[in-house]
Amino acid sequence: MRPDTEFVDTLVVPRLSAPHRPGKNIVYCATFRMALRTLCDRVGGAVALRMSTTSC
């Protein structure tokens, strides 16, 4: 398995409407949003992820 440091130009996104910038790769993950909502429900609010912040 390759370390995440090799994927500096790759974004994992929870929805297809995520903006795409030239020179970047996008990986759409259909279950990402569902998992994030479950996590937010369990911790009782917004979750801060490394390199971004998101809310439920």
C-alpha atoms as a PDB file:
ATOM      1  CA  MET A   1       0.000   0.000   0.000  1.00  0.00           C
ATOM      2  CA  ARG A   2       1.294   3.456  -0.895  1.00  0.00           C
ATOM      3  CA  PRO A   3       1.432   6.179   1.785  1.00  0.00           C
ATOM      4  CA  ASP A   4      -1.053   9.047   1.573  1.00  0.00           C
ATOM      5  CA  THR A   5       1.841  11.489   1.119  1.00  0.00           C
ATOM      6  CA  GLU A   6       2.110  10.250  -2.484  1.00  0.00           C
ATOM      7  CA  PHE A   7      -1.395  11.498  -3.269  1.00  0.00           C
ATOM      8  CA  VAL A   8      -0.962  15.241  -2.701  1.00  0.00           C
ATOM      9  CA  ASP A   9      -2.874  16.070  -5.899  1.00  0.00           C
ATOM     10  CA  THR A  10      -5.790  13.744  -5.142  1.00  0.00           C
ATOM     11  CA  LEU A  11      -9.005  14.695  -3.356  1.00  0.00           C
ATOM     12  CA  VAL A  12     -11.554  12.220  -1.994  1.00  0.00           C
ATOM     13  CA  VAL A  13     -14.976  13.837  -2.278  1.00  0.00           C
ATOM     14  CA  PRO A  14     -18.414  12.914  -0.905  1.00  0.00           C
ATOM     15  CA  ARG A  15     -20.435  14.258  -3.848  1.00  0.00           C
ATOM     16  CA  LEU A  16     -20.176  14.409  -7.628  1.00  0.00           C
ATOM     17  CA  SER A  17     -20.734  18.166  -7.678  1.00  0.00           C
ATOM     18  CA  ALA A  18     -17.411  18.861  -5.939  1.00  0.00           C
ATOM     19  CA  PRO A  19     -15.373  21.488  -7.817  1.00  0.00           C
ATOM     20  CA  HIS A  20     -12.522  20.182  -9.927  1.00  0.00           C
ATOM     21  CA  ARG A  21      -9.337  22.141 -10.443  1.00  0.00           C
ATOM     22  CA  PRO A  22      -6.830  21.536 -13.241  1.00  0.00           C
ATOM     23  CA  GLY A  23      -3.903  19.413 -12.114  1.00  0.00           C
ATOM     24  CA  LYS A  24      -5.892  17.688  -9.354  1.00  0.00           C
ATOM     25  CA  ASN A  25      -7.421  14.218  -9.286  1.00  0.00           C
ATOM     26  CA  ILE A  26     -10.829  13.537  -7.759  1.00  0.00           C
ATOM     27  CA  VAL A  27     -11.962  10.235  -6.292  1.00  0.00           C
ATOM     28  CA  TYR A  28     -15.718  10.139  -5.684  1.00  0.00           C
ATOM     29  CA  CYS A  29     -16.645   8.012  -2.685  1.00  0.00           C
ATOM     30  CA  ALA A  30     -20.387   7.375  -2.506  1.00  0.00           C
ATOM     31  CA  THR A  31     -20.236   6.050   1.063  1.00  0.00           C
ATOM     32  CA  PHE A  32     -18.075   8.904   2.393  1.00  0.00           C
ATOM     33  CA  ARG A  33     -21.046  11.170   3.154  1.00  0.00           C
ATOM     34  CA  MET A  34     -22.961   8.365   4.848  1.00  0.00           C
ATOM     35  CA  ALA A  35     -19.955   7.509   7.027  1.00  0.00           C
ATOM     36  CA  LEU A  36     -19.401  11.187   7.887  1.00  0.00           C
ATOM     37  CA  ARG A  37     -23.024  11.612   8.950  1.00  0.00           C
ATOM     38  CA  THR A  38     -22.786   8.529  11.164  1.00  0.00           C
ATOM     39  CA  LEU A  39     -19.592   9.885  12.741  1.00  0.00           C
ATOM     40  CA  CYS A  40     -21.166  13.314  13.328  1.00  0.00           C
ATOM     41  CA  ASP A  41     -24.205  11.668  14.935  1.00  0.00           C
ATOM     42  CA  ARG A  42     -21.984   9.647  17.251  1.00  0.00           C
ATOM     43  CA  VAL A  43     -19.833  12.576  18.377  1.00  0.00           C
ATOM     44  CA  GLY A  44     -22.792  14.960  18.549  1.00  0.00           C
ATOM     45  CA  GLY A  45     -21.735  17.624  16.050  1.00  0.00           C
ATOM     46  CA  ALA A  46     -19.307  18.762  13.394  1.00  0.00           C
ATOM     47  CA  VAL A  47     -16.098  16.865  12.731  1.00  0.00           C
ATOM     48  CA  ALA A  48     -12.779  18.496  11.791  1.00  0.00           C
ATOM     49  CA  LEU A  49     -10.756  16.407   9.369  1.00  0.00           C
ATOM     50  CA  ARG A  50      -7.097  16.876   8.580  1.00  0.00           C
ATOM     51  CA  MET A  51      -6.730  19.454   5.790  1.00  0.00           C
ATOM     52  CA  SER A  52     -10.436  20.395   5.819  1.00  0.00           C
ATOM     53  CA  THR A  53     -13.407  21.067   8.042  1.00  0.00           C
ATOM     54  CA  THR A  54     -16.860  19.751   7.390  1.00  0.00           C
ATOM     55  CA  SER A  55     -20.187  19.864   9.119  1.00  0.00           C
ATOM     56  CA  CYS A  56     -23.169  17.556   9.181  1.00  0.00           C
END
